[in-house]
Amino acid sequence: MTDQKSTADLRREQANERRAAIHRCGRCDPNGWLIIAGKAHRCDHGAKGNPA
């Protein structure tokens, strides 16, 4: 039971980190997607620099 709880806690922490990165990004929508030329692209939140 403790293994499941620690796994759940780990997943919760990772989700919180993803939400914080999306919030800091400012380029993508709240789900982490960019719309470019009418097509959806997963945002990297500036990790790779400028994709253009």
N, C-alpha and C. Protein backbone atom coordinates (compact mmCIF):
# COMPACT_ATOMS: atom_id res chain seq x y z
N MET A 1 0.83 -1.19 0.00
CA MET A 1 0.00 0.00 0.00
C MET A 1 0.87 1.25 0.00
N THR A 2 1.98 1.23 0.73
CA THR A 2 2.84 2.41 0.75
C THR A 2 3.48 2.65 -0.61
N ASP A 3 3.77 1.56 -1.37
CA ASP A 3 4.33 1.74 -2.71
C ASP A 3 3.35 2.47 -3.61
N GLN A 4 2.07 2.13 -3.52
CA GLN A 4 1.07 2.80 -4.34
C GLN A 4 0.95 4.26 -3.95
N LYS A 5 1.02 4.53 -2.68
CA LYS A 5 0.91 5.92 -2.24
C LYS A 5 2.11 6.72 -2.71
N SER A 6 3.30 6.16 -2.60
CA SER A 6 4.47 6.90 -3.05
C SER A 6 4.44 7.10 -4.56
N THR A 7 3.91 6.13 -5.31
CA THR A 7 3.78 6.27 -6.75
C THR A 7 2.77 7.37 -7.07
N ALA A 8 1.67 7.39 -6.35
CA ALA A 8 0.65 8.42 -6.56
C ALA A 8 1.22 9.80 -6.22
N ASP A 9 1.98 9.88 -5.14
CA ASP A 9 2.59 11.15 -4.77
C ASP A 9 3.57 11.61 -5.84
N LEU A 10 4.35 10.68 -6.38
CA LEU A 10 5.31 11.01 -7.43
C LEU A 10 4.59 11.53 -8.67
N ARG A 11 3.52 10.85 -9.07
CA ARG A 11 2.76 11.30 -10.24
C ARG A 11 2.15 12.68 -10.00
N ARG A 12 1.67 12.92 -8.80
CA ARG A 12 1.08 14.22 -8.47
C ARG A 12 2.13 15.32 -8.55
N GLU A 13 3.34 15.04 -8.05
CA GLU A 13 4.42 16.03 -8.11
C GLU A 13 4.81 16.31 -9.55
N GLN A 14 4.89 15.27 -10.38
CA GLN A 14 5.24 15.46 -11.78
C GLN A 14 4.17 16.28 -12.51
N ALA A 15 2.91 16.01 -12.21
CA ALA A 15 1.82 16.78 -12.82
C ALA A 15 1.88 18.24 -12.40
N ASN A 16 2.18 18.49 -11.14
CA ASN A 16 2.30 19.87 -10.66
C ASN A 16 3.45 20.58 -11.35
N GLU A 17 4.57 19.87 -11.57
CA GLU A 17 5.71 20.46 -12.28
C GLU A 17 5.34 20.80 -13.72
N ARG A 18 4.60 19.90 -14.41
CA ARG A 18 4.17 20.17 -15.79
C ARG A 18 3.25 21.39 -15.84
N ARG A 19 2.31 21.46 -14.90
CA ARG A 19 1.39 22.61 -14.87
C ARG A 19 2.15 23.91 -14.62
N ALA A 20 3.14 23.87 -13.74
CA ALA A 20 3.93 25.07 -13.46
C ALA A 20 4.73 25.49 -14.70
N ALA A 21 5.29 24.53 -15.43
CA ALA A 21 6.05 24.84 -16.64
C ALA A 21 5.15 25.46 -17.70
N ILE A 22 3.94 24.92 -17.85
CA ILE A 22 2.98 25.46 -18.81
C ILE A 22 2.60 26.88 -18.42
N HIS A 23 2.39 27.10 -17.13
CA HIS A 23 2.01 28.44 -16.65
C HIS A 23 3.13 29.45 -16.89
N ARG A 24 4.40 29.05 -16.66
CA ARG A 24 5.54 29.95 -16.86
C ARG A 24 5.79 30.23 -18.34
N CYS A 25 5.45 29.28 -19.19
CA CYS A 25 5.76 29.38 -20.62
C CYS A 25 5.13 30.62 -21.25
N GLY A 26 3.83 30.75 -21.16
CA GLY A 26 3.14 31.89 -21.73
C GLY A 26 2.88 31.81 -23.23
N ARG A 27 3.43 30.82 -23.92
CA ARG A 27 3.21 30.69 -25.37
C ARG A 27 2.06 29.75 -25.69
N CYS A 28 1.85 28.75 -24.84
CA CYS A 28 0.89 27.70 -25.16
C CYS A 28 -0.41 27.87 -24.37
N ASP A 29 -1.41 27.07 -24.77
CA ASP A 29 -2.68 27.10 -24.06
C ASP A 29 -2.54 26.32 -22.73
N PRO A 30 -3.57 26.32 -21.89
CA PRO A 30 -3.46 25.65 -20.59
C PRO A 30 -3.21 24.14 -20.66
N ASN A 31 -3.37 23.54 -21.84
CA ASN A 31 -3.12 22.11 -21.99
C ASN A 31 -1.73 21.82 -22.53
N GLY A 32 -0.95 22.87 -22.83
CA GLY A 32 0.41 22.68 -23.32
C GLY A 32 0.54 22.58 -24.83
N TRP A 33 -0.44 23.10 -25.57
CA TRP A 33 -0.41 23.04 -27.02
C TRP A 33 -0.26 24.42 -27.63
N LEU A 34 0.46 24.49 -28.76
CA LEU A 34 0.57 25.70 -29.58
C LEU A 34 -0.25 25.48 -30.84
N ILE A 35 -0.91 26.51 -31.31
CA ILE A 35 -1.62 26.44 -32.58
C ILE A 35 -0.81 27.28 -33.57
N ILE A 36 -0.24 26.62 -34.57
CA ILE A 36 0.57 27.28 -35.58
C ILE A 36 -0.02 26.93 -36.94
N ALA A 37 -0.41 27.95 -37.68
CA ALA A 37 -1.00 27.78 -39.01
C ALA A 37 -2.17 26.81 -38.97
N GLY A 38 -2.98 26.91 -37.91
CA GLY A 38 -4.17 26.08 -37.81
C GLY A 38 -3.94 24.65 -37.38
N LYS A 39 -2.71 24.31 -37.02
CA LYS A 39 -2.40 22.94 -36.57
C LYS A 39 -1.84 22.97 -35.16
N ALA A 40 -2.20 21.97 -34.38
CA ALA A 40 -1.76 21.89 -32.99
C ALA A 40 -0.38 21.24 -32.91
N HIS A 41 0.47 21.81 -32.07
CA HIS A 41 1.81 21.28 -31.83
C HIS A 41 2.04 21.26 -30.33
N ARG A 42 2.69 20.23 -29.82
CA ARG A 42 3.00 20.15 -28.41
C ARG A 42 4.08 21.17 -28.10
N CYS A 43 3.86 22.01 -27.10
CA CYS A 43 4.82 23.04 -26.73
C CYS A 43 5.96 22.43 -25.91
N ASP A 44 7.19 22.88 -26.16
CA ASP A 44 8.34 22.41 -25.37
C ASP A 44 8.67 23.39 -24.26
N HIS A 45 7.88 24.44 -24.11
CA HIS A 45 8.01 25.44 -23.05
C HIS A 45 9.39 26.11 -23.05
N GLY A 46 9.96 26.28 -24.24
CA GLY A 46 11.22 26.98 -24.38
C GLY A 46 12.44 26.13 -24.07
N ALA A 47 12.28 24.83 -23.88
CA ALA A 47 13.41 23.96 -23.53
C ALA A 47 14.42 23.86 -24.67
N LYS A 48 13.97 23.92 -25.91
CA LYS A 48 14.86 23.78 -27.07
C LYS A 48 15.21 25.12 -27.70
N GLY A 49 14.87 26.18 -27.06
CA GLY A 49 15.12 27.50 -27.63
C GLY A 49 13.99 27.88 -28.55
N ASN A 50 14.27 28.75 -29.49
CA ASN A 50 13.25 29.21 -30.42
C ASN A 50 13.09 28.19 -31.54
N PRO A 51 11.88 27.59 -31.68
CA PRO A 51 11.71 26.56 -32.72
C PRO A 51 11.67 27.12 -34.14
N ALA A 52 11.59 28.42 -34.31
CA ALA A 52 11.53 29.00 -35.66
C ALA A 52 12.86 29.11 -36.26
